[in-house]
Amino acid sequence: MLQAIVLGAAQGLTEFVPVSSSAHLVLLPFLFRWPIPSLAFDVAIHLGTLVALFVYFWTDLVRLVAGTARTVGGRGDDEDRVQGRLVLLLAVGTVPAGAAGILLRDFFEELFESPTITAVALLGTAALIVAAEAVYRRRTPERRRDVGGVGWWDAVVMGLFQALAITPGISRSGSTIAGGLFRGLARDAAARFSFLLSIPAILGAAVVAVPDVPPGTDWGPMLAAAGVAAIAGFAAIAFLLRYLRTRTMLPFAAYCVALSAVSLTVIAAR
């Protein structure tokens, strides 16, 4: 139960903070010599973070659905059309990760069996963050766009970065936010669009994995872990959106480098 709670908390916190939840789910069991989490456990804690997203963005989601419905029905005003456009942008951004997950599923699943690849990929997350922050600093505040300024190419680029993040060790939030910064979004705007973009990605991954969960699975510890993941995830979303209004992501890049170094040292020692 302790392992389930620890991993649930790690999933909730690191799914949204740009330090790679997949890296923590691979490296923590390796470092502590814990059993590798089952597929059912992985599904449960990801559904926990999905609950956190629905709760935090509930008002946004209601506006998106209602605005899109009114627009499709020909009764929408300007704000409704903005919401409908945002839904289309999220759909466009979801395509790359969905295609990669379906076409390369076996390849990515094999990567999750390698702590070495995961630890090295963390350095890739750090590099993306550092590069994105360097680009961001060269833009004046007037040239940084909010969520309302997200365009089609922004959605495509952030979607491609989300597809890259299927690799364990590449942070989904870190890479998609970096993609937004490369495209000229403000940090908090990139984070908000990134979190909304993660909803269909997490939901789709869970739906695909559920049929593979073996019958007779004991869901007790997994539901506890999912609850912890939901609470930690909600706190992480609130923290990061507030943090990124005025602060850089560079501390998270430093954390990724440190975790990678510790993990590679342990791998070499064993």
C-alpha atoms as a PDB file:
ATOM      1  CA  MET A   1       0.000   0.000   0.000  1.00  0.00           C
ATOM      2  CA  LEU A   2       2.861   2.393   0.810  1.00  0.00           C
ATOM      3  CA  GLN A   3       4.359   1.845  -2.634  1.00  0.00           C
ATOM      4  CA  ALA A   4       0.963   2.496  -4.237  1.00  0.00           C
ATOM      5  CA  ILE A   5       0.510   5.759  -2.345  1.00  0.00           C
ATOM      6  CA  VAL A   6       4.038   6.975  -3.100  1.00  0.00           C
ATOM      7  CA  LEU A   7       3.701   6.230  -6.807  1.00  0.00           C
ATOM      8  CA  GLY A   8       0.220   7.746  -6.901  1.00  0.00           C
ATOM      9  CA  ALA A   9       1.557  10.959  -5.369  1.00  0.00           C
ATOM     10  CA  ALA A  10       4.502  10.927  -7.776  1.00  0.00           C
ATOM     11  CA  GLN A  11       2.161  10.513 -10.747  1.00  0.00           C
ATOM     12  CA  GLY A  12      -0.131  13.309  -9.637  1.00  0.00           C
ATOM     13  CA  LEU A  13       2.662  15.787  -8.976  1.00  0.00           C
ATOM     14  CA  THR A  14       4.895  15.002 -11.938  1.00  0.00           C
ATOM     15  CA  GLU A  15       2.207  14.594 -14.619  1.00  0.00           C
ATOM     16  CA  PHE A  16       1.772  18.360 -14.615  1.00  0.00           C
ATOM     17  CA  VAL A  17       5.039  19.695 -13.181  1.00  0.00           C
ATOM     18  CA  PRO A  18       7.601  19.459 -16.041  1.00  0.00           C
ATOM     19  CA  VAL A  19       9.787  16.675 -14.648  1.00  0.00           C
ATOM     20  CA  SER A  20       8.237  13.605 -16.388  1.00  0.00           C
ATOM     21  CA  SER A  21       5.767  11.366 -14.585  1.00  0.00           C
ATOM     22  CA  SER A  22       6.816   8.421 -16.762  1.00  0.00           C
ATOM     23  CA  ALA A  23      10.406   8.812 -15.573  1.00  0.00           C
ATOM     24  CA  HIS A  24       9.302   8.653 -11.947  1.00  0.00           C
ATOM     25  CA  LEU A  25       7.123   5.590 -12.555  1.00  0.00           C
ATOM     26  CA  VAL A  26      10.111   3.822 -14.132  1.00  0.00           C
ATOM     27  CA  LEU A  27      12.951   5.099 -11.941  1.00  0.00           C
ATOM     28  CA  LEU A  28      11.395   5.088  -8.461  1.00  0.00           C
ATOM     29  CA  PRO A  29      10.663   1.323  -8.528  1.00  0.00           C
ATOM     30  CA  PHE A  30      14.152   0.751  -9.960  1.00  0.00           C
ATOM     31  CA  LEU A  31      15.932   2.873  -7.346  1.00  0.00           C
ATOM     32  CA  PHE A  32      13.972   1.412  -4.407  1.00  0.00           C
ATOM     33  CA  ARG A  33      13.919  -2.150  -5.820  1.00  0.00           C
ATOM     34  CA  TRP A  34      10.136  -2.200  -5.870  1.00  0.00           C
ATOM     35  CA  PRO A  35       8.104  -4.443  -8.190  1.00  0.00           C
ATOM     36  CA  ILE A  36       7.286  -2.855 -11.542  1.00  0.00           C
ATOM     37  CA  PRO A  37       3.737  -1.395 -11.366  1.00  0.00           C
ATOM     38  CA  SER A  38       1.107  -3.408 -13.204  1.00  0.00           C
ATOM     39  CA  LEU A  39      -0.816  -2.160 -16.214  1.00  0.00           C
ATOM     40  CA  ALA A  40      -3.939  -1.877 -14.069  1.00  0.00           C
ATOM     41  CA  PHE A  41      -2.067   0.303 -11.589  1.00  0.00           C
ATOM     42  CA  ASP A  42      -0.805   2.531 -14.387  1.00  0.00           C
ATOM     43  CA  VAL A  43      -4.330   2.930 -15.746  1.00  0.00           C
ATOM     44  CA  ALA A  44      -5.718   3.720 -12.284  1.00  0.00           C
ATOM     45  CA  ILE A  45      -3.262   6.494 -11.428  1.00  0.00           C
ATOM     46  CA  HIS A  46      -3.591   8.074 -14.870  1.00  0.00           C
ATOM     47  CA  LEU A  47      -7.360   8.142 -14.394  1.00  0.00           C
ATOM     48  CA  GLY A  48      -6.663   9.842 -11.059  1.00  0.00           C
ATOM     49  CA  THR A  49      -4.795  12.650 -12.807  1.00  0.00           C
ATOM     50  CA  LEU A  50      -7.614  12.842 -15.356  1.00  0.00           C
ATOM     51  CA  VAL A  51     -10.043  13.461 -12.499  1.00  0.00           C
ATOM     52  CA  ALA A  52      -7.775  16.299 -11.309  1.00  0.00           C
ATOM     53  CA  LEU A  53      -7.950  17.874 -14.774  1.00  0.00           C
ATOM     54  CA  PHE A  54     -11.744  17.610 -14.951  1.00  0.00           C
ATOM     55  CA  VAL A  55     -12.185  19.124 -11.491  1.00  0.00           C
ATOM     56  CA  TYR A  56      -9.728  21.983 -12.008  1.00  0.00           C
ATOM     57  CA  PHE A  57     -10.890  22.891 -15.525  1.00  0.00           C
ATOM     58  CA  TRP A  58     -14.561  22.104 -14.988  1.00  0.00           C
ATOM     59  CA  THR A  59     -15.719  25.649 -15.778  1.00  0.00           C
ATOM     60  CA  ASP A  60     -13.483  25.830 -18.856  1.00  0.00           C
ATOM     61  CA  LEU A  61     -14.776  22.490 -20.110  1.00  0.00           C
ATOM     62  CA  VAL A  62     -18.409  23.495 -19.659  1.00  0.00           C
ATOM     63  CA  ARG A  63     -17.750  26.678 -21.652  1.00  0.00           C
ATOM     64  CA  LEU A  64     -15.979  24.684 -24.363  1.00  0.00           C
ATOM     65  CA  VAL A  65     -18.812  22.191 -24.736  1.00  0.00           C
ATOM     66  CA  ALA A  66     -21.629  24.729 -24.491  1.00  0.00           C
ATOM     67  CA  GLY A  67     -19.950  27.235 -26.805  1.00  0.00           C
ATOM     68  CA  THR A  68     -19.184  24.585 -29.394  1.00  0.00           C
ATOM     69  CA  ALA A  69     -22.738  23.213 -29.252  1.00  0.00           C
ATOM     70  CA  ARG A  70     -24.258  26.676 -29.743  1.00  0.00           C
ATOM     71  CA  THR A  71     -21.842  27.425 -32.587  1.00  0.00           C
ATOM     72  CA  VAL A  72     -22.651  24.161 -34.379  1.00  0.00           C
ATOM     73  CA  GLY A  73     -26.349  24.881 -33.878  1.00  0.00           C
ATOM     74  CA  GLY A  74     -25.987  28.301 -35.473  1.00  0.00           C
ATOM     75  CA  ARG A  75     -26.862  30.170 -32.255  1.00  0.00           C
ATOM     76  CA  GLY A  76     -23.347  31.062 -31.121  1.00  0.00           C
ATOM     77  CA  ASP A  77     -22.014  34.544 -30.413  1.00  0.00           C
ATOM     78  CA  ASP A  78     -18.381  35.654 -30.751  1.00  0.00           C
ATOM     79  CA  GLU A  79     -17.364  34.053 -27.450  1.00  0.00           C
ATOM     80  CA  ASP A  80     -19.020  30.766 -28.430  1.00  0.00           C
ATOM     81  CA  ARG A  81     -17.104  30.768 -31.700  1.00  0.00           C
ATOM     82  CA  VAL A  82     -13.865  31.300 -29.767  1.00  0.00           C
ATOM     83  CA  GLN A  83     -14.704  28.237 -27.656  1.00  0.00           C
ATOM     84  CA  GLY A  84     -15.549  26.196 -30.749  1.00  0.00           C
ATOM     85  CA  ARG A  85     -12.267  27.190 -32.358  1.00  0.00           C
ATOM     86  CA  LEU A  86     -10.378  26.157 -29.218  1.00  0.00           C
ATOM     87  CA  VAL A  87     -12.023  22.717 -29.351  1.00  0.00           C
ATOM     88  CA  LEU A  88     -10.838  22.322 -32.951  1.00  0.00           C
ATOM     89  CA  LEU A  89      -7.320  23.416 -31.941  1.00  0.00           C
ATOM     90  CA  LEU A  90      -7.270  20.806 -29.153  1.00  0.00           C
ATOM     91  CA  ALA A  91      -8.470  18.173 -31.625  1.00  0.00           C
ATOM     92  CA  VAL A  92      -5.667  19.091 -34.050  1.00  0.00           C
ATOM     93  CA  GLY A  93      -3.105  19.007 -31.260  1.00  0.00           C
ATOM     94  CA  THR A  94      -4.294  15.569 -30.144  1.00  0.00           C
ATOM     95  CA  VAL A  95      -3.754  13.887 -33.523  1.00  0.00           C
ATOM     96  CA  PRO A  96       0.079  13.458 -33.410  1.00  0.00           C
ATOM     97  CA  ALA A  97       0.148  11.740 -30.011  1.00  0.00           C
ATOM     98  CA  GLY A  98      -2.861   9.602 -30.884  1.00  0.00           C
ATOM     99  CA  ALA A  99      -1.268   8.443 -34.134  1.00  0.00           C
ATOM    100  CA  ALA A 100       2.104   7.776 -32.498  1.00  0.00           C
ATOM    101  CA  GLY A 101       0.489   5.876 -29.637  1.00  0.00           C
ATOM    102  CA  ILE A 102      -1.454   3.607 -31.978  1.00  0.00           C
ATOM    103  CA  LEU A 103       1.230   3.026 -34.614  1.00  0.00           C
ATOM    104  CA  LEU A 104       4.244   2.751 -32.291  1.00  0.00           C
ATOM    105  CA  ARG A 105       2.657   1.324 -29.159  1.00  0.00           C
ATOM    106  CA  ASP A 106       4.909  -1.757 -28.914  1.00  0.00           C
ATOM    107  CA  PHE A 107       8.027   0.332 -29.487  1.00  0.00           C
ATOM    108  CA  PHE A 108       7.200   2.775 -26.706  1.00  0.00           C
ATOM    109  CA  GLU A 109       6.192  -0.014 -24.314  1.00  0.00           C
ATOM    110  CA  GLU A 110       9.645  -1.555 -24.708  1.00  0.00           C
ATOM    111  CA  LEU A 111      11.259   1.770 -23.783  1.00  0.00           C
ATOM    112  CA  PHE A 112       9.474   1.676 -20.425  1.00  0.00           C
ATOM    113  CA  GLU A 113      11.503  -1.423 -19.556  1.00  0.00           C
ATOM    114  CA  SER A 114      14.803   0.500 -19.696  1.00  0.00           C
ATOM    115  CA  PRO A 115      15.779   2.729 -16.731  1.00  0.00           C
ATOM    116  CA  THR A 116      18.863   3.788 -18.705  1.00  0.00           C
ATOM    117  CA  ILE A 117      16.873   5.153 -21.643  1.00  0.00           C
ATOM    118  CA  THR A 118      14.491   6.849 -19.228  1.00  0.00           C
ATOM    119  CA  ALA A 119      17.321   8.511 -17.290  1.00  0.00           C
ATOM    120  CA  VAL A 120      18.981   9.736 -20.483  1.00  0.00           C
ATOM    121  CA  ALA A 121      15.658  11.025 -21.836  1.00  0.00           C
ATOM    122  CA  LEU A 122      15.327  13.193 -18.721  1.00  0.00           C
ATOM    123  CA  LEU A 123      18.323  15.130 -20.028  1.00  0.00           C
ATOM    124  CA  GLY A 124      16.308  15.704 -23.192  1.00  0.00           C
ATOM    125  CA  THR A 125      13.513  17.230 -21.093  1.00  0.00           C
ATOM    126  CA  ALA A 126      16.051  19.504 -19.407  1.00  0.00           C
ATOM    127  CA  ALA A 127      17.479  20.554 -22.776  1.00  0.00           C
ATOM    128  CA  LEU A 128      14.021  21.374 -24.149  1.00  0.00           C
ATOM    129  CA  ILE A 129      13.212  23.521 -21.128  1.00  0.00           C
ATOM    130  CA  VAL A 130      16.527  25.403 -21.284  1.00  0.00           C
ATOM    131  CA  ALA A 131      16.160  26.034 -25.029  1.00  0.00           C
ATOM    132  CA  ALA A 132      12.544  27.179 -24.694  1.00  0.00           C
ATOM    133  CA  GLU A 133      13.396  29.559 -21.867  1.00  0.00           C
ATOM    134  CA  ALA A 134      16.253  31.033 -23.928  1.00  0.00           C
ATOM    135  CA  VAL A 135      13.840  31.729 -26.796  1.00  0.00           C
ATOM    136  CA  TYR A 136      11.220  33.091 -24.393  1.00  0.00           C
ATOM    137  CA  ARG A 137      13.603  35.610 -22.844  1.00  0.00           C
ATOM    138  CA  ARG A 138      14.343  37.111 -26.250  1.00  0.00           C
ATOM    139  CA  ARG A 139      10.692  38.122 -26.728  1.00  0.00           C
ATOM    140  CA  THR A 140       9.250  41.247 -25.172  1.00  0.00           C
ATOM    141  CA  PRO A 141       6.083  40.823 -23.056  1.00  0.00           C
ATOM    142  CA  GLU A 142       4.074  42.509 -25.810  1.00  0.00           C
ATOM    143  CA  ARG A 143       4.967  39.701 -28.229  1.00  0.00           C
ATOM    144  CA  ARG A 144       3.842  36.886 -25.915  1.00  0.00           C
ATOM    145  CA  ARG A 145       0.338  35.613 -26.658  1.00  0.00           C
ATOM    146  CA  ASP A 146      -2.342  34.360 -24.265  1.00  0.00           C
ATOM    147  CA  VAL A 147      -4.601  31.328 -24.736  1.00  0.00           C
ATOM    148  CA  GLY A 148      -6.933  33.350 -26.947  1.00  0.00           C
ATOM    149  CA  GLY A 149      -4.039  33.854 -29.347  1.00  0.00           C
ATOM    150  CA  VAL A 150      -3.298  30.155 -29.861  1.00  0.00           C
ATOM    151  CA  GLY A 151      -3.267  29.366 -33.585  1.00  0.00           C
ATOM    152  CA  TRP A 152      -3.299  26.290 -35.795  1.00  0.00           C
ATOM    153  CA  TRP A 153       0.474  25.971 -36.059  1.00  0.00           C
ATOM    154  CA  ASP A 154       0.756  26.388 -32.287  1.00  0.00           C
ATOM    155  CA  ALA A 155      -1.588  23.434 -31.833  1.00  0.00           C
ATOM    156  CA  VAL A 156       0.334  21.332 -34.373  1.00  0.00           C
ATOM    157  CA  VAL A 157       3.724  22.066 -32.808  1.00  0.00           C
ATOM    158  CA  MET A 158       2.529  21.425 -29.257  1.00  0.00           C
ATOM    159  CA  GLY A 159       0.818  18.253 -30.474  1.00  0.00           C
ATOM    160  CA  LEU A 160       4.080  17.016 -32.000  1.00  0.00           C
ATOM    161  CA  PHE A 161       5.890  17.695 -28.739  1.00  0.00           C
ATOM    162  CA  GLN A 162       3.158  15.772 -26.911  1.00  0.00           C
ATOM    163  CA  ALA A 163       3.762  12.819 -29.225  1.00  0.00           C
ATOM    164  CA  LEU A 164       7.484  12.986 -28.437  1.00  0.00           C
ATOM    165  CA  ALA A 165       6.606  12.820 -24.734  1.00  0.00           C
ATOM    166  CA  ILE A 166       5.278   9.265 -25.053  1.00  0.00           C
ATOM    167  CA  THR A 167       8.958   8.375 -24.592  1.00  0.00           C
ATOM    168  CA  PRO A 168       9.567   7.727 -20.872  1.00  0.00           C
ATOM    169  CA  GLY A 169      11.677  10.525 -19.436  1.00  0.00           C
ATOM    170  CA  ILE A 170      10.370  13.183 -21.822  1.00  0.00           C
ATOM    171  CA  SER A 171       7.953  15.268 -19.782  1.00  0.00           C
ATOM    172  CA  ARG A 172       4.594  15.753 -21.477  1.00  0.00           C
ATOM    173  CA  SER A 173       3.919  19.039 -19.739  1.00  0.00           C
ATOM    174  CA  GLY A 174       7.527  20.176 -20.105  1.00  0.00           C
ATOM    175  CA  SER A 175       7.725  19.423 -23.812  1.00  0.00           C
ATOM    176  CA  THR A 176       4.323  20.843 -24.735  1.00  0.00           C
ATOM    177  CA  ILE A 177       4.886  24.007 -22.704  1.00  0.00           C
ATOM    178  CA  ALA A 178       8.304  24.312 -24.366  1.00  0.00           C
ATOM    179  CA  GLY A 179       6.590  23.971 -27.745  1.00  0.00           C
ATOM    180  CA  GLY A 180       4.254  26.790 -26.785  1.00  0.00           C
ATOM    181  CA  LEU A 181       7.169  28.994 -25.715  1.00  0.00           C
ATOM    182  CA  PHE A 182       8.954  28.305 -29.004  1.00  0.00           C
ATOM    183  CA  ARG A 183       5.801  29.476 -30.773  1.00  0.00           C
ATOM    184  CA  GLY A 184       5.506  32.704 -28.776  1.00  0.00           C
ATOM    185  CA  LEU A 185       2.932  31.908 -26.081  1.00  0.00           C
ATOM    186  CA  ALA A 186       3.260  33.271 -22.557  1.00  0.00           C
ATOM    187  CA  ARG A 187       4.340  30.639 -20.023  1.00  0.00           C
ATOM    188  CA  ASP A 188       1.006  30.390 -18.218  1.00  0.00           C
ATOM    189  CA  ALA A 189      -0.905  30.369 -21.541  1.00  0.00           C
ATOM    190  CA  ALA A 190       1.261  27.535 -22.849  1.00  0.00           C
ATOM    191  CA  ALA A 191       0.698  25.627 -19.605  1.00  0.00           C
ATOM    192  CA  ARG A 192      -3.083  26.090 -19.706  1.00  0.00           C
ATOM    193  CA  PHE A 193      -3.331  24.911 -23.320  1.00  0.00           C
ATOM    194  CA  SER A 194      -0.946  22.044 -22.481  1.00  0.00           C
ATOM    195  CA  PHE A 195      -3.164  20.873 -19.628  1.00  0.00           C
ATOM    196  CA  LEU A 196      -6.319  21.029 -21.747  1.00  0.00           C
ATOM    197  CA  LEU A 197      -4.466  19.148 -24.487  1.00  0.00           C
ATOM    198  CA  SER A 198      -3.563  16.419 -22.009  1.00  0.00           C
ATOM    199  CA  ILE A 199      -7.211  15.530 -21.314  1.00  0.00           C
ATOM    200  CA  PRO A 200      -7.899  13.634 -24.573  1.00  0.00           C
ATOM    201  CA  ALA A 201      -4.356  12.197 -24.502  1.00  0.00           C
ATOM    202  CA  ILE A 202      -4.701  10.706 -21.001  1.00  0.00           C
ATOM    203  CA  LEU A 203      -8.279   9.581 -21.616  1.00  0.00           C
ATOM    204  CA  GLY A 204      -7.349   7.933 -24.911  1.00  0.00           C
ATOM    205  CA  ALA A 205      -4.349   6.130 -23.423  1.00  0.00           C
ATOM    206  CA  ALA A 206      -6.494   4.795 -20.572  1.00  0.00           C
ATOM    207  CA  VAL A 207      -9.267   3.618 -22.890  1.00  0.00           C
ATOM    208  CA  VAL A 208      -6.760   1.778 -25.084  1.00  0.00           C
ATOM    209  CA  ALA A 209      -5.125   0.096 -22.068  1.00  0.00           C
ATOM    210  CA  VAL A 210      -8.259  -0.938 -20.147  1.00  0.00           C
ATOM    211  CA  PRO A 211      -9.008  -4.048 -22.311  1.00  0.00           C
ATOM    212  CA  ASP A 212      -5.534  -5.384 -21.494  1.00  0.00           C
ATOM    213  CA  VAL A 213      -6.108  -5.273 -17.718  1.00  0.00           C
ATOM    214  CA  PRO A 214      -6.329  -8.889 -16.513  1.00  0.00           C
ATOM    215  CA  PRO A 215      -9.618 -10.048 -14.949  1.00  0.00           C
ATOM    216  CA  GLY A 216      -9.643 -10.507 -11.196  1.00  0.00           C
ATOM    217  CA  THR A 217      -7.381  -7.518 -10.566  1.00  0.00           C
ATOM    218  CA  ASP A 218      -7.472  -6.242  -6.977  1.00  0.00           C
ATOM    219  CA  TRP A 219      -8.487  -2.612  -7.403  1.00  0.00           C
ATOM    220  CA  GLY A 220      -8.276  -1.647  -3.706  1.00  0.00           C
ATOM    221  CA  PRO A 221      -4.690  -0.302  -3.545  1.00  0.00           C
ATOM    222  CA  MET A 222      -5.057   1.082  -7.064  1.00  0.00           C
ATOM    223  CA  LEU A 223      -8.101   3.156  -6.197  1.00  0.00           C
ATOM    224  CA  ALA A 224      -6.238   4.524  -3.165  1.00  0.00           C
ATOM    225  CA  ALA A 225      -3.318   5.448  -5.419  1.00  0.00           C
ATOM    226  CA  ALA A 226      -5.722   7.011  -7.933  1.00  0.00           C
ATOM    227  CA  GLY A 227      -7.236   9.147  -5.181  1.00  0.00           C
ATOM    228  CA  VAL A 228      -3.797  10.328  -4.084  1.00  0.00           C
ATOM    229  CA  ALA A 229      -2.880  11.039  -7.724  1.00  0.00           C
ATOM    230  CA  ALA A 230      -6.052  13.120  -8.162  1.00  0.00           C
ATOM    231  CA  ILE A 231      -5.385  15.246  -5.069  1.00  0.00           C
ATOM    232  CA  ALA A 232      -1.686  15.703  -5.874  1.00  0.00           C
ATOM    233  CA  GLY A 233      -2.496  16.429  -9.515  1.00  0.00           C
ATOM    234  CA  PHE A 234      -5.007  19.139  -8.630  1.00  0.00           C
ATOM    235  CA  ALA A 235      -2.446  20.788  -6.343  1.00  0.00           C
ATOM    236  CA  ALA A 236       0.250  20.538  -9.042  1.00  0.00           C
ATOM    237  CA  ILE A 237      -1.956  22.190 -11.683  1.00  0.00           C
ATOM    238  CA  ALA A 238      -2.862  25.065  -9.380  1.00  0.00           C
ATOM    239  CA  PHE A 239       0.762  25.509  -8.328  1.00  0.00           C
ATOM    240  CA  LEU A 240       2.266  25.476 -11.812  1.00  0.00           C
ATOM    241  CA  LEU A 241      -0.245  27.877 -13.402  1.00  0.00           C
ATOM    242  CA  ARG A 242       0.398  30.349 -10.591  1.00  0.00           C
ATOM    243  CA  TYR A 243       4.155  29.772 -10.628  1.00  0.00           C
ATOM    244  CA  LEU A 244       4.591  30.285 -14.371  1.00  0.00           C
ATOM    245  CA  ARG A 245       2.964  33.712 -14.354  1.00  0.00           C
ATOM    246  CA  THR A 246       6.179  35.210 -13.011  1.00  0.00           C
ATOM    247  CA  ARG A 247       8.840  32.497 -12.863  1.00  0.00           C
ATOM    248  CA  THR A 248      11.036  30.419 -15.151  1.00  0.00           C
ATOM    249  CA  MET A 249      10.986  26.642 -15.675  1.00  0.00           C
ATOM    250  CA  LEU A 250      14.767  26.351 -15.248  1.00  0.00           C
ATOM    251  CA  PRO A 251      14.580  24.874 -11.699  1.00  0.00           C
ATOM    252  CA  PHE A 252      12.653  21.940 -13.152  1.00  0.00           C
ATOM    253  CA  ALA A 253      15.367  21.436 -15.765  1.00  0.00           C
ATOM    254  CA  ALA A 254      17.936  21.310 -12.957  1.00  0.00           C
ATOM    255  CA  TYR A 255      15.808  18.709 -11.141  1.00  0.00           C
ATOM    256  CA  CYS A 256      15.663  16.551 -14.287  1.00  0.00           C
ATOM    257  CA  VAL A 257      19.457  16.671 -14.605  1.00  0.00           C
ATOM    258  CA  ALA A 258      19.890  15.753 -10.934  1.00  0.00           C
ATOM    259  CA  LEU A 259      17.461  12.808 -11.106  1.00  0.00           C
ATOM    260  CA  SER A 260      19.121  11.591 -14.297  1.00  0.00           C
ATOM    261  CA  ALA A 261      22.581  11.793 -12.718  1.00  0.00           C
ATOM    262  CA  VAL A 262      21.503   9.895  -9.599  1.00  0.00           C
ATOM    263  CA  SER A 263      19.744   7.232 -11.661  1.00  0.00           C
ATOM    264  CA  LEU A 264      22.647   6.717 -14.081  1.00  0.00           C
ATOM    265  CA  THR A 265      25.068   6.482 -11.134  1.00  0.00           C
ATOM    266  CA  VAL A 266      22.939   3.771  -9.505  1.00  0.00           C
ATOM    267  CA  ILE A 267      22.584   1.947 -12.836  1.00  0.00           C
ATOM    268  CA  ALA A 268      26.356   1.974 -13.301  1.00  0.00           C
ATOM    269  CA  ALA A 269      26.927   0.776  -9.726  1.00  0.00           C
ATOM    270  CA  ARG A 270      24.574  -2.175 -10.118  1.00  0.00           C
END
